Amino acid sequence: GGVGKTTLVHHVYKAVKTNFNISAWITVSSSCQVEDLLKKIASELGIPVGASNENRSLVEVIHNRLQGSKYVLILDDVWNVDAWFKIRNAFHTVGTGRFPTPP
């Protein structure tokens, strides 16, 4: 910690986010639960979280919102790689130019 990773990524994010239809910066706390993280992502994407989505999972709702869009999403300060494996199905993988899944 403290070597400037977030600062560097934030500068790059600000420079490139206008090239995307959707952009979001989400800070993940060390105690963040997957459901809370999905709610945070949904909120940043302008998806109302609540009774209107009770019949569909947040993963599905986020996936549908991003369908056909060019997007950049920064998950800052992720403490546990398991969080990524639990939410990654919300994000499209075909034709997105995404980075490979971490080992």
N, C-alpha and C. Protein backbone atom coordinates (compact mmCIF):
# COMPACT_ATOMS: atom_id res chain seq x y z
N GLY A 1 0.81 -1.20 0.00
CA GLY A 1 0.00 0.00 0.00
C GLY A 1 0.85 1.25 0.00
N GLY A 2 0.24 2.33 -0.46
CA GLY A 2 0.89 3.63 -0.38
C GLY A 2 1.89 3.94 -1.47
N VAL A 3 1.92 3.13 -2.55
CA VAL A 3 2.90 3.40 -3.61
C VAL A 3 2.27 4.16 -4.79
N GLY A 4 1.00 4.48 -4.70
CA GLY A 4 0.37 5.31 -5.73
C GLY A 4 -0.38 4.56 -6.81
N LYS A 5 -0.73 3.30 -6.59
CA LYS A 5 -1.45 2.52 -7.61
C LYS A 5 -2.80 3.16 -7.93
N THR A 6 -3.55 3.50 -6.90
CA THR A 6 -4.87 4.09 -7.11
C THR A 6 -4.76 5.42 -7.82
N THR A 7 -3.81 6.24 -7.43
CA THR A 7 -3.62 7.54 -8.07
C THR A 7 -3.31 7.38 -9.55
N LEU A 8 -2.43 6.47 -9.89
CA LEU A 8 -2.07 6.23 -11.28
C LEU A 8 -3.28 5.75 -12.08
N VAL A 9 -3.99 4.75 -11.54
CA VAL A 9 -5.15 4.21 -12.26
C VAL A 9 -6.23 5.27 -12.39
N HIS A 10 -6.40 6.10 -11.37
CA HIS A 10 -7.42 7.16 -11.45
C HIS A 10 -7.11 8.16 -12.56
N HIS A 11 -5.86 8.50 -12.74
CA HIS A 11 -5.48 9.41 -13.83
C HIS A 11 -5.77 8.78 -15.19
N VAL A 12 -5.44 7.50 -15.34
CA VAL A 12 -5.72 6.80 -16.59
C VAL A 12 -7.23 6.72 -16.81
N TYR A 13 -7.97 6.37 -15.77
CA TYR A 13 -9.43 6.26 -15.85
C TYR A 13 -10.05 7.58 -16.32
N LYS A 14 -9.64 8.69 -15.73
CA LYS A 14 -10.17 10.00 -16.13
C LYS A 14 -9.85 10.30 -17.59
N ALA A 15 -8.69 9.85 -18.05
CA ALA A 15 -8.28 10.12 -19.43
C ALA A 15 -9.04 9.28 -20.45
N VAL A 16 -9.45 8.08 -20.09
CA VAL A 16 -10.06 7.18 -21.08
C VAL A 16 -11.56 7.01 -20.94
N LYS A 17 -12.16 7.41 -19.83
CA LYS A 17 -13.56 7.10 -19.60
C LYS A 17 -14.51 7.71 -20.64
N THR A 18 -14.10 8.79 -21.27
CA THR A 18 -14.96 9.39 -22.30
C THR A 18 -15.03 8.53 -23.56
N ASN A 19 -14.15 7.54 -23.68
CA ASN A 19 -14.16 6.64 -24.83
C ASN A 19 -15.16 5.49 -24.65
N PHE A 20 -15.87 5.47 -23.53
CA PHE A 20 -16.78 4.39 -23.21
C PHE A 20 -18.19 4.91 -23.01
N ASN A 21 -19.18 4.08 -23.35
CA ASN A 21 -20.58 4.45 -23.12
C ASN A 21 -20.90 4.51 -21.63
N ILE A 22 -20.28 3.60 -20.88
CA ILE A 22 -20.53 3.48 -19.44
C ILE A 22 -19.19 3.43 -18.73
N SER A 23 -19.08 4.19 -17.66
CA SER A 23 -17.85 4.13 -16.85
C SER A 23 -18.24 4.22 -15.38
N ALA A 24 -17.50 3.50 -14.57
CA ALA A 24 -17.77 3.53 -13.13
C ALA A 24 -16.51 3.20 -12.36
N TRP A 25 -16.36 3.87 -11.23
CA TRP A 25 -15.25 3.63 -10.31
C TRP A 25 -15.86 3.18 -8.99
N ILE A 26 -15.53 1.98 -8.56
CA ILE A 26 -16.08 1.43 -7.33
C ILE A 26 -14.93 1.09 -6.39
N THR A 27 -14.97 1.65 -5.20
CA THR A 27 -13.98 1.33 -4.18
C THR A 27 -14.54 0.19 -3.33
N VAL A 28 -13.77 -0.88 -3.21
CA VAL A 28 -14.19 -2.07 -2.50
C VAL A 28 -13.49 -2.10 -1.15
N SER A 29 -14.26 -2.24 -0.09
CA SER A 29 -13.64 -2.30 1.24
C SER A 29 -13.21 -3.72 1.55
N SER A 30 -12.33 -3.86 2.51
CA SER A 30 -11.82 -5.17 2.87
C SER A 30 -12.90 -6.06 3.46
N SER A 31 -13.94 -5.46 4.02
CA SER A 31 -15.01 -6.24 4.63
C SER A 31 -16.25 -6.35 3.73
N CYS A 32 -16.12 -5.94 2.48
CA CYS A 32 -17.25 -5.91 1.57
C CYS A 32 -17.74 -7.32 1.24
N GLN A 33 -19.04 -7.51 1.37
CA GLN A 33 -19.68 -8.77 1.00
C GLN A 33 -20.08 -8.70 -0.47
N VAL A 34 -20.17 -9.84 -1.12
CA VAL A 34 -20.46 -9.89 -2.56
C VAL A 34 -21.78 -9.18 -2.88
N GLU A 35 -22.82 -9.43 -2.11
CA GLU A 35 -24.11 -8.79 -2.36
C GLU A 35 -24.00 -7.27 -2.27
N ASP A 36 -23.25 -6.79 -1.28
CA ASP A 36 -23.05 -5.35 -1.13
C ASP A 36 -22.27 -4.78 -2.31
N LEU A 37 -21.26 -5.51 -2.77
CA LEU A 37 -20.47 -5.07 -3.91
C LEU A 37 -21.34 -4.99 -5.16
N LEU A 38 -22.18 -5.99 -5.38
CA LEU A 38 -23.08 -5.97 -6.54
C LEU A 38 -24.06 -4.80 -6.45
N LYS A 39 -24.55 -4.51 -5.27
CA LYS A 39 -25.44 -3.36 -5.10
C LYS A 39 -24.72 -2.05 -5.39
N LYS A 40 -23.46 -1.97 -4.96
CA LYS A 40 -22.65 -0.78 -5.21
C LYS A 40 -22.43 -0.59 -6.72
N ILE A 41 -22.10 -1.69 -7.41
CA ILE A 41 -21.89 -1.64 -8.85
C ILE A 41 -23.18 -1.23 -9.55
N ALA A 42 -24.29 -1.85 -9.17
CA ALA A 42 -25.58 -1.53 -9.78
C ALA A 42 -25.91 -0.05 -9.58
N SER A 43 -25.70 0.44 -8.39
CA SER A 43 -25.98 1.84 -8.10
C SER A 43 -25.13 2.77 -8.97
N GLU A 44 -23.85 2.47 -9.10
CA GLU A 44 -22.95 3.29 -9.93
C GLU A 44 -23.35 3.25 -11.41
N LEU A 45 -24.00 2.16 -11.82
CA LEU A 45 -24.44 2.03 -13.21
C LEU A 45 -25.84 2.61 -13.42
N GLY A 46 -26.39 3.21 -12.38
CA GLY A 46 -27.70 3.83 -12.49
C GLY A 46 -28.86 2.84 -12.43
N ILE A 47 -28.60 1.67 -11.88
CA ILE A 47 -29.64 0.66 -11.76
C ILE A 47 -30.27 0.80 -10.38
N PRO A 48 -31.58 1.05 -10.33
CA PRO A 48 -32.21 1.14 -9.01
C PRO A 48 -32.17 -0.22 -8.32
N VAL A 49 -31.69 -0.23 -7.11
CA VAL A 49 -31.59 -1.47 -6.35
C VAL A 49 -32.73 -1.48 -5.34
N GLY A 50 -33.52 -2.52 -5.39
CA GLY A 50 -34.64 -2.60 -4.46
C GLY A 50 -35.70 -3.54 -4.98
N ALA A 51 -36.93 -3.21 -4.65
CA ALA A 51 -38.06 -4.09 -4.95
C ALA A 51 -38.21 -4.37 -6.44
N SER A 52 -37.84 -3.42 -7.29
CA SER A 52 -38.01 -3.61 -8.72
C SER A 52 -37.11 -4.73 -9.26
N ASN A 53 -36.06 -5.07 -8.55
CA ASN A 53 -35.13 -6.10 -9.02
C ASN A 53 -35.21 -7.38 -8.20
N GLU A 54 -36.22 -7.50 -7.35
CA GLU A 54 -36.25 -8.63 -6.44
C GLU A 54 -36.40 -9.98 -7.14
N ASN A 55 -36.97 -10.00 -8.34
CA ASN A 55 -37.17 -11.26 -9.05
C ASN A 55 -35.98 -11.66 -9.91
N ARG A 56 -35.03 -10.79 -10.07
CA ARG A 56 -33.85 -11.10 -10.87
C ARG A 56 -32.62 -10.87 -10.02
N SER A 57 -31.60 -11.68 -10.24
CA SER A 57 -30.37 -11.49 -9.49
C SER A 57 -29.67 -10.23 -9.94
N LEU A 58 -28.91 -9.64 -9.05
CA LEU A 58 -28.15 -8.45 -9.41
C LEU A 58 -27.15 -8.74 -10.52
N VAL A 59 -26.59 -9.95 -10.53
CA VAL A 59 -25.67 -10.32 -11.61
C VAL A 59 -26.38 -10.21 -12.95
N GLU A 60 -27.59 -10.73 -13.04
CA GLU A 60 -28.35 -10.68 -14.28
C GLU A 60 -28.71 -9.25 -14.67
N VAL A 61 -29.11 -8.46 -13.70
CA VAL A 61 -29.50 -7.07 -13.96
C VAL A 61 -28.30 -6.27 -14.47
N ILE A 62 -27.15 -6.43 -13.83
CA ILE A 62 -25.94 -5.73 -14.27
C ILE A 62 -25.54 -6.21 -15.66
N HIS A 63 -25.56 -7.51 -15.86
CA HIS A 63 -25.22 -8.09 -17.17
C HIS A 63 -26.10 -7.50 -18.27
N ASN A 64 -27.39 -7.42 -18.02
CA ASN A 64 -28.32 -6.86 -19.01
C ASN A 64 -28.08 -5.39 -19.26
N ARG A 65 -27.74 -4.64 -18.22
CA ARG A 65 -27.48 -3.20 -18.36
C ARG A 65 -26.26 -2.95 -19.24
N LEU A 66 -25.26 -3.83 -19.13
CA LEU A 66 -24.02 -3.65 -19.89
C LEU A 66 -24.08 -4.24 -21.29
N GLN A 67 -25.11 -5.05 -21.56
CA GLN A 67 -25.25 -5.71 -22.86
C GLN A 67 -25.16 -4.70 -23.99
N GLY A 68 -24.27 -4.95 -24.91
CA GLY A 68 -24.12 -4.10 -26.09
C GLY A 68 -23.42 -2.78 -25.85
N SER A 69 -22.94 -2.55 -24.66
CA SER A 69 -22.27 -1.29 -24.34
C SER A 69 -20.76 -1.48 -24.25
N LYS A 70 -20.08 -0.42 -24.58
CA LYS A 70 -18.64 -0.38 -24.38
C LYS A 70 -18.44 0.27 -23.01
N TYR A 71 -17.81 -0.46 -22.08
CA TYR A 71 -17.73 0.06 -20.73
C TYR A 71 -16.36 -0.17 -20.10
N VAL A 72 -16.07 0.67 -19.12
CA VAL A 72 -14.89 0.50 -18.28
C VAL A 72 -15.36 0.57 -16.83
N LEU A 73 -14.95 -0.40 -16.06
CA LEU A 73 -15.33 -0.48 -14.67
C LEU A 73 -14.07 -0.74 -13.85
N ILE A 74 -13.80 0.14 -12.92
CA ILE A 74 -12.64 -0.01 -12.06
C ILE A 74 -13.11 -0.46 -10.69
N LEU A 75 -12.58 -1.58 -10.23
CA LEU A 75 -12.82 -2.05 -8.87
C LEU A 75 -11.53 -1.78 -8.10
N ASP A 76 -11.55 -0.73 -7.32
CA ASP A 76 -10.35 -0.29 -6.61
C ASP A 76 -10.29 -0.88 -5.21
N ASP A 77 -9.10 -1.29 -4.84
CA ASP A 77 -8.81 -1.75 -3.48
C ASP A 77 -9.49 -3.07 -3.15
N VAL A 78 -9.50 -3.99 -4.12
CA VAL A 78 -10.04 -5.32 -3.88
C VAL A 78 -9.06 -6.09 -3.01
N TRP A 79 -9.53 -6.62 -1.92
CA TRP A 79 -8.67 -7.31 -0.96
C TRP A 79 -8.61 -8.81 -1.20
N ASN A 80 -9.61 -9.34 -1.88
CA ASN A 80 -9.69 -10.79 -2.01
C ASN A 80 -10.10 -11.14 -3.44
N VAL A 81 -9.30 -11.93 -4.13
CA VAL A 81 -9.58 -12.30 -5.51
C VAL A 81 -10.88 -13.11 -5.62
N ASP A 82 -11.30 -13.74 -4.54
CA ASP A 82 -12.55 -14.50 -4.56
C ASP A 82 -13.74 -13.62 -4.92
N ALA A 83 -13.68 -12.35 -4.53
CA ALA A 83 -14.77 -11.43 -4.86
C ALA A 83 -14.96 -11.35 -6.37
N TRP A 84 -13.85 -11.30 -7.12
CA TRP A 84 -13.94 -11.24 -8.58
C TRP A 84 -14.61 -12.49 -9.13
N PHE A 85 -14.24 -13.65 -8.64
CA PHE A 85 -14.80 -14.90 -9.15
C PHE A 85 -16.30 -15.00 -8.87
N LYS A 86 -16.76 -14.33 -7.84
CA LYS A 86 -18.19 -14.37 -7.49
C LYS A 86 -19.03 -13.38 -8.29
N ILE A 87 -18.41 -12.35 -8.85
CA ILE A 87 -19.19 -11.33 -9.58
C ILE A 87 -18.92 -11.32 -11.08
N ARG A 88 -17.92 -12.05 -11.54
CA ARG A 88 -17.48 -11.92 -12.93
C ARG A 88 -18.54 -12.28 -13.96
N ASN A 89 -19.53 -13.09 -13.60
CA ASN A 89 -20.57 -13.44 -14.55
C ASN A 89 -21.46 -12.26 -14.91
N ALA A 90 -21.36 -11.18 -14.17
CA ALA A 90 -22.13 -9.98 -14.48
C ALA A 90 -21.55 -9.24 -15.69
N PHE A 91 -20.35 -9.61 -16.09
CA PHE A 91 -19.64 -8.88 -17.13
C PHE A 91 -19.44 -9.73 -18.37
N HIS A 92 -19.68 -9.14 -19.51
CA HIS A 92 -19.55 -9.84 -20.78
C HIS A 92 -18.09 -10.17 -21.05
N THR A 93 -17.85 -11.29 -21.70
CA THR A 93 -16.48 -11.68 -21.98
C THR A 93 -16.19 -11.84 -23.46
N VAL A 94 -17.21 -11.87 -24.30
CA VAL A 94 -17.00 -12.06 -25.73
C VAL A 94 -16.89 -10.70 -26.41
N GLY A 95 -15.77 -10.48 -27.10
CA GLY A 95 -15.60 -9.26 -27.87
C GLY A 95 -15.43 -8.01 -27.04
N THR A 96 -15.03 -8.16 -25.80
CA THR A 96 -14.90 -6.97 -24.95
C THR A 96 -13.47 -6.51 -24.81
N GLY A 97 -12.51 -7.36 -25.19
CA GLY A 97 -11.12 -6.98 -25.01
C GLY A 97 -10.73 -6.96 -23.55
N ARG A 98 -11.45 -7.73 -22.73
CA ARG A 98 -11.16 -7.72 -21.31
C ARG A 98 -9.83 -8.39 -21.02
N PHE A 99 -9.29 -8.08 -19.88
CA PHE A 99 -8.06 -8.70 -19.45
C PHE A 99 -8.35 -10.13 -19.02
N PRO A 100 -7.38 -11.00 -19.11
CA PRO A 100 -7.58 -12.39 -18.67
C PRO A 100 -7.92 -12.45 -17.19
N THR A 101 -8.63 -13.48 -16.82
CA THR A 101 -8.97 -13.71 -15.42
C THR A 101 -7.68 -13.94 -14.63
N PRO A 102 -7.59 -13.31 -13.45
CA PRO A 102 -6.37 -13.49 -12.64
C PRO A 102 -6.18 -14.95 -12.25
N PRO A 103 -4.93 -15.37 -12.06
CA PRO A 103 -4.68 -16.77 -11.68
C PRO A 103 -5.17 -17.07 -10.28
